């Protein structure tokens, strides 16, 4: 638990420091500097902020919880929001920026009058404060209270823990917007988005380091390396069989959702965990000794040398044949290309292999 708390605080502080660093020299006294970030945000930050503005505790906790309790129809809202974001980014936003419009209320004032602008602002603020913010703050607070077990840690009630987290996260979010303007919010959104992506790939990163995320992963890893075959599909079949039994005993709806998750998870892990997969390399080169030395040093594999003739140039050529793991293939190809720019390399996925094959031991 101490490690979880420390990493959470460290990442939160990192986001704050980086956001401050990017906005420390900005002039926030002008409308353009505060609301438009001085018109200097790069495209990746704008895209990250747009996406993360649409992805908060409301979706990560509330929508997922609703899907688990009911069905996956709630995903329709998020699926259609992607189209809305694309239209906003490529159609409406450029027009607003070309017109020098910083906020939607400003657009209403320009299009209609001051009274309409104030009425819209009032209705928007009321709707945001009454409906939107409480849902987001509460959803995030529920997750944080459960993750860190604040009730036991501080000896307080569940309601008190929720209240403290809601107030704390509200103040922190307000500081970003009030003191840093749009630029601080955009950069903090993007950095948090990078953190979410890393978290989403955590299982695959764990497997790529020859570790395991638990469950049946370690069985798939062991059998795939031991037998040199794809065992992830076999374990997926076992998981589906167990979930089918659970569906017969309890609920088919939840069992089917679990099967969908198992399939998606297995496909991602199978794609990124490349240690047991083999690649066959055919390398046509003028420097066979140099290329073979690279193969030996990089992969500890041997190679077979075939002599031939290039019919187009009518010159002698050498072809090295070697089988390596897929995780080593890309690095090996880069080194061979650096040593012989004229090398011709054909890489083919090996479906089955019989015979002695060196497997790099786990550290």
Protein backbone atom coordinates (compact mmCIF):
# COMPACT_ATOMS: atom_id res chain seq x y z
CA UNK A 1 0.00 0.00 0.00
CA UNK A 2 2.86 2.39 0.81
CA UNK A 3 4.29 1.87 -2.68
CA UNK A 4 0.90 2.56 -4.27
CA UNK A 5 0.48 5.79 -2.30
CA UNK A 6 4.03 6.90 -3.06
CA UNK A 7 3.72 6.31 -6.81
CA UNK A 8 0.34 8.08 -6.92
CA UNK A 9 1.69 11.14 -5.13
CA UNK A 10 4.89 11.13 -7.20
CA UNK A 11 2.99 11.03 -10.49
CA UNK A 12 0.57 13.75 -9.35
CA UNK A 13 3.49 15.99 -8.35
CA UNK A 14 5.25 15.21 -11.65
CA UNK A 15 2.19 16.31 -13.63
CA UNK A 16 1.99 19.53 -11.61
CA UNK A 17 5.69 20.33 -12.00
CA UNK A 18 5.72 19.68 -15.75
CA UNK A 19 2.56 21.76 -16.25
CA UNK A 20 4.08 24.63 -14.25
CA UNK A 21 7.34 24.37 -16.18
CA UNK A 22 5.54 24.69 -19.53
CA UNK A 23 3.51 27.73 -18.37
CA UNK A 24 6.04 29.56 -16.17
CA UNK A 25 6.88 32.23 -18.79
CA UNK A 26 3.40 32.66 -20.25
CA UNK A 27 1.43 35.88 -20.01
CA UNK A 28 -1.92 34.89 -18.50
CA UNK A 29 -3.16 38.44 -18.11
CA UNK A 30 -4.59 38.54 -21.63
CA UNK A 31 -7.61 36.70 -22.97
CA UNK A 32 -5.54 35.03 -25.66
CA UNK A 33 -2.88 33.89 -23.22
CA UNK A 34 -5.36 32.55 -20.64
CA UNK A 35 -8.06 30.96 -22.80
CA UNK A 36 -6.08 30.11 -25.97
CA UNK A 37 -2.69 29.29 -24.43
CA UNK A 38 -1.11 32.03 -26.52
CA UNK A 39 -2.11 30.09 -29.68
CA UNK A 40 1.08 28.07 -29.25
CA UNK A 41 -0.08 24.56 -28.30
CA UNK A 42 1.34 21.75 -30.48
CA UNK A 43 -1.06 19.40 -32.21
CA UNK A 44 -0.31 16.41 -29.97
CA UNK A 45 -1.19 18.43 -26.86
CA UNK A 46 -4.43 19.69 -28.40
CA UNK A 47 -5.40 16.14 -29.40
CA UNK A 48 -4.47 14.77 -25.97
CA UNK A 49 -6.44 17.44 -24.17
CA UNK A 50 -9.51 16.91 -26.35
CA UNK A 51 -9.44 13.18 -25.71
CA UNK A 52 -8.78 13.42 -21.96
CA UNK A 53 -11.46 16.10 -21.55
CA UNK A 54 -13.87 13.46 -22.81
CA UNK A 55 -12.37 10.76 -20.56
CA UNK A 56 -12.62 11.23 -16.79
CA UNK A 57 -13.75 9.37 -13.69
CA UNK A 58 -17.26 9.57 -15.09
CA UNK A 59 -16.20 7.11 -17.81
CA UNK A 60 -13.44 5.15 -16.05
CA UNK A 61 -15.59 4.44 -13.00
CA UNK A 62 -19.20 5.31 -13.74
CA UNK A 63 -19.61 4.02 -17.29
CA UNK A 64 -17.62 0.86 -16.60
CA UNK A 65 -19.63 0.21 -13.45
CA UNK A 66 -22.87 0.74 -15.30
CA UNK A 67 -21.78 -1.67 -18.02
CA UNK A 68 -20.88 -4.29 -15.42
CA UNK A 69 -24.17 -3.87 -13.55
CA UNK A 70 -26.32 -3.77 -16.68
CA UNK A 71 -25.00 -4.21 -20.20
CA UNK A 72 -22.56 -2.66 -22.67
CA UNK A 73 -25.09 -0.31 -24.28
CA UNK A 74 -23.44 2.58 -22.41
CA UNK A 75 -20.44 2.29 -24.73
CA UNK A 76 -22.58 3.80 -27.51
CA UNK A 77 -22.12 7.22 -25.91
CA UNK A 78 -18.33 6.99 -26.03
CA UNK A 79 -18.29 5.44 -29.51
CA UNK A 80 -20.24 8.36 -30.97
CA UNK A 81 -18.23 10.95 -29.01
CA UNK A 82 -15.16 10.10 -31.10
CA UNK A 83 -17.02 11.30 -34.20
CA UNK A 84 -18.07 14.47 -32.38
CA UNK A 85 -14.45 15.18 -31.37
CA UNK A 86 -13.27 14.78 -34.97
CA UNK A 87 -15.93 17.20 -36.22
CA UNK A 88 -15.03 19.66 -33.47
CA UNK A 89 -11.29 19.49 -34.22
CA UNK A 90 -11.51 19.74 -38.02
CA UNK A 91 -14.68 21.80 -38.63
CA UNK A 92 -15.79 24.01 -35.77
CA UNK A 93 -12.57 24.71 -33.86
CA UNK A 94 -10.62 26.14 -36.85
CA UNK A 95 -13.49 28.50 -37.63
CA UNK A 96 -13.69 29.70 -34.04
CA UNK A 97 -9.93 30.25 -33.82
CA UNK A 98 -9.82 32.13 -37.14
CA UNK A 99 -12.53 34.42 -35.82
CA UNK A 100 -10.52 35.15 -32.67
CA UNK A 101 -13.20 33.53 -30.50
CA UNK A 102 -11.84 32.15 -27.23
CA UNK A 103 -15.00 30.82 -25.55
CA UNK A 104 -18.44 29.62 -26.57
CA UNK A 105 -20.17 32.42 -24.59
CA UNK A 106 -18.11 34.89 -26.60
CA UNK A 107 -19.41 33.28 -29.77
CA UNK A 108 -23.01 33.68 -28.54
CA UNK A 109 -22.36 37.35 -27.76
CA UNK A 110 -20.94 37.91 -31.24
CA UNK A 111 -23.75 35.97 -32.91
CA UNK A 112 -26.65 37.29 -30.83
CA UNK A 113 -26.27 39.80 -27.95
CA UNK A 114 -24.90 40.24 -24.43
CA UNK A 115 -28.09 39.04 -22.74
CA UNK A 116 -28.00 35.73 -24.66
CA UNK A 117 -24.35 35.29 -23.75
CA UNK A 118 -25.02 35.82 -20.04
CA UNK A 119 -28.08 33.56 -20.07
CA UNK A 120 -26.13 30.77 -21.75
CA UNK A 121 -23.23 31.18 -19.30
CA UNK A 122 -25.58 31.04 -16.31
CA UNK A 123 -27.43 27.94 -17.55
CA UNK A 124 -24.16 26.21 -18.44
CA UNK A 125 -22.61 26.92 -15.03
CA UNK A 126 -25.71 25.71 -13.19
CA UNK A 127 -25.88 22.51 -15.26
CA UNK A 128 -22.14 21.90 -14.83
CA UNK A 129 -22.15 22.49 -11.07
CA UNK A 130 -25.38 20.59 -10.37
CA UNK A 131 -25.10 17.61 -12.73
CA UNK A 132 -21.61 17.21 -14.20
CA UNK A 133 -19.08 18.07 -11.48
CA UNK A 134 -20.72 16.11 -8.62
CA UNK A 135 -20.82 12.95 -10.78
CA UNK A 136 -17.17 13.25 -11.81
CA UNK A 137 -15.90 14.13 -8.32
CA UNK A 138 -17.91 11.35 -6.66
CA UNK A 139 -16.85 8.71 -9.20
CA UNK A 140 -13.19 9.61 -8.77
CA UNK A 141 -13.54 9.69 -4.99
CA UNK A 142 -15.08 6.21 -4.92
CA UNK A 143 -12.13 4.81 -6.87
CA UNK A 144 -9.49 6.54 -4.71
CA UNK A 145 -11.16 5.56 -1.44
CA UNK A 146 -11.26 1.91 -2.50
CA UNK A 147 -7.72 1.87 -3.90
CA UNK A 148 -6.08 3.40 -0.84
CA UNK A 149 -8.56 2.09 1.77
CA UNK A 150 -8.78 5.55 3.35
CA UNK A 151 -11.41 4.44 5.87
CA UNK A 152 -9.00 2.04 7.57
CA UNK A 153 -5.93 4.19 6.99
CA UNK A 154 -7.33 7.24 8.82
CA UNK A 155 -10.11 5.62 10.86
CA UNK A 156 -12.89 7.71 9.31
CA UNK A 157 -16.30 6.89 7.88
CA UNK A 158 -16.94 6.19 4.21
CA UNK A 159 -18.88 9.45 3.81
CA UNK A 160 -16.04 11.46 5.38
CA UNK A 161 -13.47 9.83 3.08
CA UNK A 162 -15.58 10.59 0.00
CA UNK A 163 -16.07 14.19 1.13
CA UNK A 164 -12.35 14.76 1.71
CA UNK A 165 -11.37 13.33 -1.67
CA UNK A 166 -14.05 15.33 -3.50
CA UNK A 167 -12.88 18.59 -1.90
CA UNK A 168 -9.20 17.77 -2.45
CA UNK A 169 -9.50 16.82 -6.11
CA UNK A 170 -11.77 19.80 -6.73
CA UNK A 171 -9.20 22.20 -5.28
CA UNK A 172 -6.32 20.65 -7.23
CA UNK A 173 -8.27 20.80 -10.49
CA UNK A 174 -9.29 24.38 -9.80
CA UNK A 175 -5.64 25.38 -9.26
CA UNK A 176 -4.69 24.09 -12.70
CA UNK A 177 -7.42 26.11 -14.39
CA UNK A 178 -7.21 29.29 -12.31
CA UNK A 179 -3.43 29.70 -12.06
CA UNK A 180 -2.30 28.02 -15.28
CA UNK A 181 -5.03 28.75 -17.78
CA UNK A 182 -5.78 26.54 -20.77
CA UNK A 183 -2.14 25.63 -21.35
CA UNK A 184 -1.69 24.08 -17.90
CA UNK A 185 -4.93 22.13 -18.27
CA UNK A 186 -3.98 20.91 -21.75
CA UNK A 187 -0.51 19.75 -20.72
CA UNK A 188 -1.76 18.07 -17.55
CA UNK A 189 -4.43 16.26 -19.60
CA UNK A 190 -1.83 15.05 -22.10
CA UNK A 191 0.59 13.84 -19.41
CA UNK A 192 -2.20 11.96 -17.63
CA UNK A 193 -3.18 10.45 -20.97
CA UNK A 194 0.36 9.14 -21.43
CA UNK A 195 0.12 7.61 -17.95
CA UNK A 196 -3.15 5.89 -18.86
CA UNK A 197 -1.64 4.45 -22.04
CA UNK A 198 1.31 3.08 -20.08
CA UNK A 199 -1.08 1.59 -17.54
CA UNK A 200 -3.14 0.02 -20.31
CA UNK A 201 -0.07 -1.74 -21.69
CA UNK A 202 1.19 -2.77 -18.24
CA UNK A 203 0.33 -6.44 -18.71
CA UNK A 204 2.11 -6.67 -22.04
CA UNK A 205 5.12 -4.77 -20.70
CA UNK A 206 5.23 -7.22 -17.81
CA UNK A 207 5.19 -10.19 -20.16
CA UNK A 208 7.76 -8.59 -22.45
CA UNK A 209 10.09 -8.47 -19.44
CA UNK A 210 9.60 -12.24 -19.02
CA UNK A 211 7.40 -11.73 -15.97
CA UNK A 212 3.75 -12.59 -15.43
CA UNK A 213 0.62 -10.67 -14.55
CA UNK A 214 -0.90 -13.66 -12.76
CA UNK A 215 -3.75 -15.97 -13.69
CA UNK A 216 -3.04 -18.33 -16.59
CA UNK A 217 -0.41 -16.05 -18.14
CA UNK A 218 2.48 -17.90 -16.53
CA UNK A 219 1.19 -21.21 -17.93
CA UNK A 220 1.03 -19.73 -21.44
CA UNK A 221 4.54 -18.29 -21.07
CA UNK A 222 6.03 -21.55 -19.80
CA UNK A 223 4.42 -23.78 -22.43
CA UNK A 224 5.09 -21.36 -25.30
CA UNK A 225 8.79 -21.18 -24.44
CA UNK A 226 9.06 -24.88 -23.59
CA UNK A 227 7.29 -26.18 -26.69
CA UNK A 228 8.00 -23.31 -29.05
CA UNK A 229 4.34 -23.10 -30.04
CA UNK A 230 1.53 -20.61 -29.47
CA UNK A 231 -0.07 -21.76 -26.22
CA UNK A 232 -2.05 -18.57 -25.57
CA UNK A 233 -4.88 -19.83 -27.78
CA UNK A 234 -5.04 -23.08 -25.81
CA UNK A 235 -5.33 -21.21 -22.52
CA UNK A 236 -7.98 -18.95 -24.04
CA UNK A 237 -9.98 -22.08 -24.85
CA UNK A 238 -9.60 -23.30 -21.25
CA UNK A 239 -10.74 -19.94 -19.90
CA UNK A 240 -13.73 -19.92 -22.25
CA UNK A 241 -14.69 -23.42 -21.09
CA UNK A 242 -14.55 -22.37 -17.43
CA UNK A 243 -16.56 -19.23 -18.15
CA UNK A 244 -19.13 -21.31 -20.03
CA UNK A 245 -19.59 -23.45 -16.92
CA UNK A 246 -19.97 -20.25 -14.88
CA UNK A 247 -22.59 -19.10 -17.38
CA UNK A 248 -24.57 -22.33 -16.89
CA UNK A 249 -24.41 -22.00 -13.10
CA UNK A 250 -24.89 -18.25 -12.69
CA UNK A 251 -25.46 -15.75 -15.51
CA UNK A 252 -24.85 -16.10 -19.24
CA UNK A 253 -24.77 -12.34 -19.74
CA UNK A 254 -21.80 -11.74 -17.46
CA UNK A 255 -20.08 -14.91 -18.67
CA UNK A 256 -20.26 -13.67 -22.28
CA UNK A 257 -18.82 -10.27 -21.32
CA UNK A 258 -16.00 -12.08 -19.52
CA UNK A 259 -15.33 -14.18 -22.63
CA UNK A 260 -15.12 -11.00 -24.73
CA UNK A 261 -12.61 -9.56 -22.26
CA UNK A 262 -10.53 -12.76 -22.25
CA UNK A 263 -10.40 -12.79 -26.05
CA UNK A 264 -9.36 -9.13 -26.32
CA UNK A 265 -6.77 -9.49 -23.55
CA UNK A 266 -5.30 -12.64 -25.08
CA UNK A 267 -4.99 -11.03 -28.53
CA UNK A 268 -3.11 -8.02 -27.12
CA UNK A 269 -0.76 -10.12 -24.99
CA UNK A 270 -0.15 -12.60 -27.81
CA UNK A 271 0.76 -9.77 -30.17
CA UNK A 272 3.19 -8.04 -27.83
CA UNK A 273 4.80 -11.06 -26.17
CA UNK A 274 7.17 -12.10 -28.94
CA UNK A 275 9.80 -14.09 -27.06
CA UNK A 276 8.59 -17.57 -28.11
CA UNK A 277 7.79 -16.61 -31.73
CA UNK A 278 10.41 -17.35 -34.41
CA UNK A 279 11.46 -15.43 -37.51
CA UNK A 280 13.38 -16.91 -40.44
CA UNK A 281 15.85 -14.48 -42.04
CA UNK A 282 17.28 -14.75 -45.54
CA UNK A 283 20.06 -12.17 -45.86
CA UNK A 284 21.70 -11.58 -49.26
CA UNK A 285 24.96 -9.70 -48.73
CA UNK A 286 28.46 -9.00 -49.98
CA UNK A 287 29.83 -9.15 -46.41
CA UNK A 288 28.94 -12.65 -45.14
CA UNK A 289 31.58 -12.79 -42.39
CA UNK A 290 30.65 -9.39 -40.99
CA UNK A 291 26.92 -10.19 -41.07
CA UNK A 292 27.45 -13.59 -39.44
CA UNK A 293 29.44 -11.95 -36.65
CA UNK A 294 26.52 -9.59 -36.01
CA UNK A 295 24.11 -12.54 -35.85
CA UNK A 296 26.34 -14.34 -33.35
CA UNK A 297 26.85 -11.32 -31.11
CA UNK A 298 23.23 -10.15 -31.19
CA UNK A 299 21.30 -13.42 -30.91
CA UNK A 300 23.86 -16.17 -30.14
CA UNK A 301 22.42 -18.09 -33.10
CA UNK A 302 24.35 -19.65 -35.96
CA UNK A 303 23.63 -19.34 -39.68
CA UNK A 304 23.93 -21.32 -42.90
CA UNK A 305 25.93 -19.79 -45.76
CA UNK A 306 24.78 -20.32 -49.36
CA UNK A 307 26.84 -19.07 -52.29
CA UNK A 308 25.13 -17.87 -55.45
CA UNK A 309 25.04 -15.32 -58.22
CA UNK A 310 22.95 -12.21 -58.58
CA UNK A 311 21.46 -12.59 -62.07
CA UNK A 312 20.70 -8.89 -62.51
CA UNK A 313 24.26 -7.68 -61.89
CA UNK A 314 25.93 -10.99 -62.80
CA UNK A 315 28.01 -10.84 -59.60
CA UNK A 316 28.71 -13.32 -56.84
CA UNK A 317 26.45 -13.03 -53.79
CA UNK A 318 26.17 -14.77 -50.43
CA UNK A 319 22.96 -15.67 -48.61
CA UNK A 320 22.86 -16.30 -44.87
CA UNK A 321 19.96 -18.36 -43.52
CA UNK A 322 19.17 -18.06 -39.81
CA UNK A 323 16.24 -18.49 -37.43
CA UNK A 324 15.92 -16.07 -34.49
CA UNK A 325 13.21 -15.04 -32.05
CA UNK A 326 10.85 -12.32 -33.20
CA UNK A 327 11.95 -10.11 -30.33
CA UNK A 328 15.53 -10.21 -31.68
CA UNK A 329 14.70 -9.90 -35.39
CA UNK A 330 14.11 -6.14 -35.57
CA UNK A 331 17.29 -5.28 -33.67
CA UNK A 332 19.27 -7.71 -35.82
CA UNK A 333 17.94 -6.29 -39.09
CA UNK A 334 18.89 -2.75 -38.02
CA UNK A 335 22.46 -3.81 -37.24
CA UNK A 336 22.82 -5.72 -40.51
CA UNK A 337 21.57 -2.74 -42.51
CA UNK A 338 24.05 -0.50 -40.70
CA UNK A 339 26.93 -2.87 -41.52
CA UNK A 340 25.91 -3.49 -45.16
CA UNK A 341 23.59 -0.90 -46.68
CA UNK A 342 23.21 -3.03 -49.80
CA UNK A 343 22.00 -6.11 -47.92
CA UNK A 344 18.70 -7.63 -49.07
CA UNK A 345 16.77 -9.13 -46.15
CA UNK A 346 13.65 -11.29 -46.30
CA UNK A 347 11.98 -11.98 -42.93
CA UNK A 348 9.36 -14.74 -42.67
CA UNK A 349 7.39 -15.86 -39.63
CA UNK A 350 8.29 -19.45 -38.71
CA UNK A 351 5.21 -21.56 -38.04
CA UNK A 352 6.97 -24.70 -36.77
CA UNK A 353 10.57 -25.57 -35.95
CA UNK A 354 12.24 -28.92 -35.30
CA UNK A 355 15.82 -29.29 -34.14
CA UNK A 356 18.20 -27.55 -31.82
CA UNK A 357 17.37 -23.88 -31.24
CA UNK A 358 19.13 -21.66 -28.73
CA UNK A 359 16.71 -20.02 -26.28
CA UNK A 360 18.14 -17.11 -24.34
CA UNK A 361 17.71 -17.94 -20.61
CA UNK A 362 15.59 -15.70 -18.39
CA UNK A 363 17.56 -13.40 -16.13
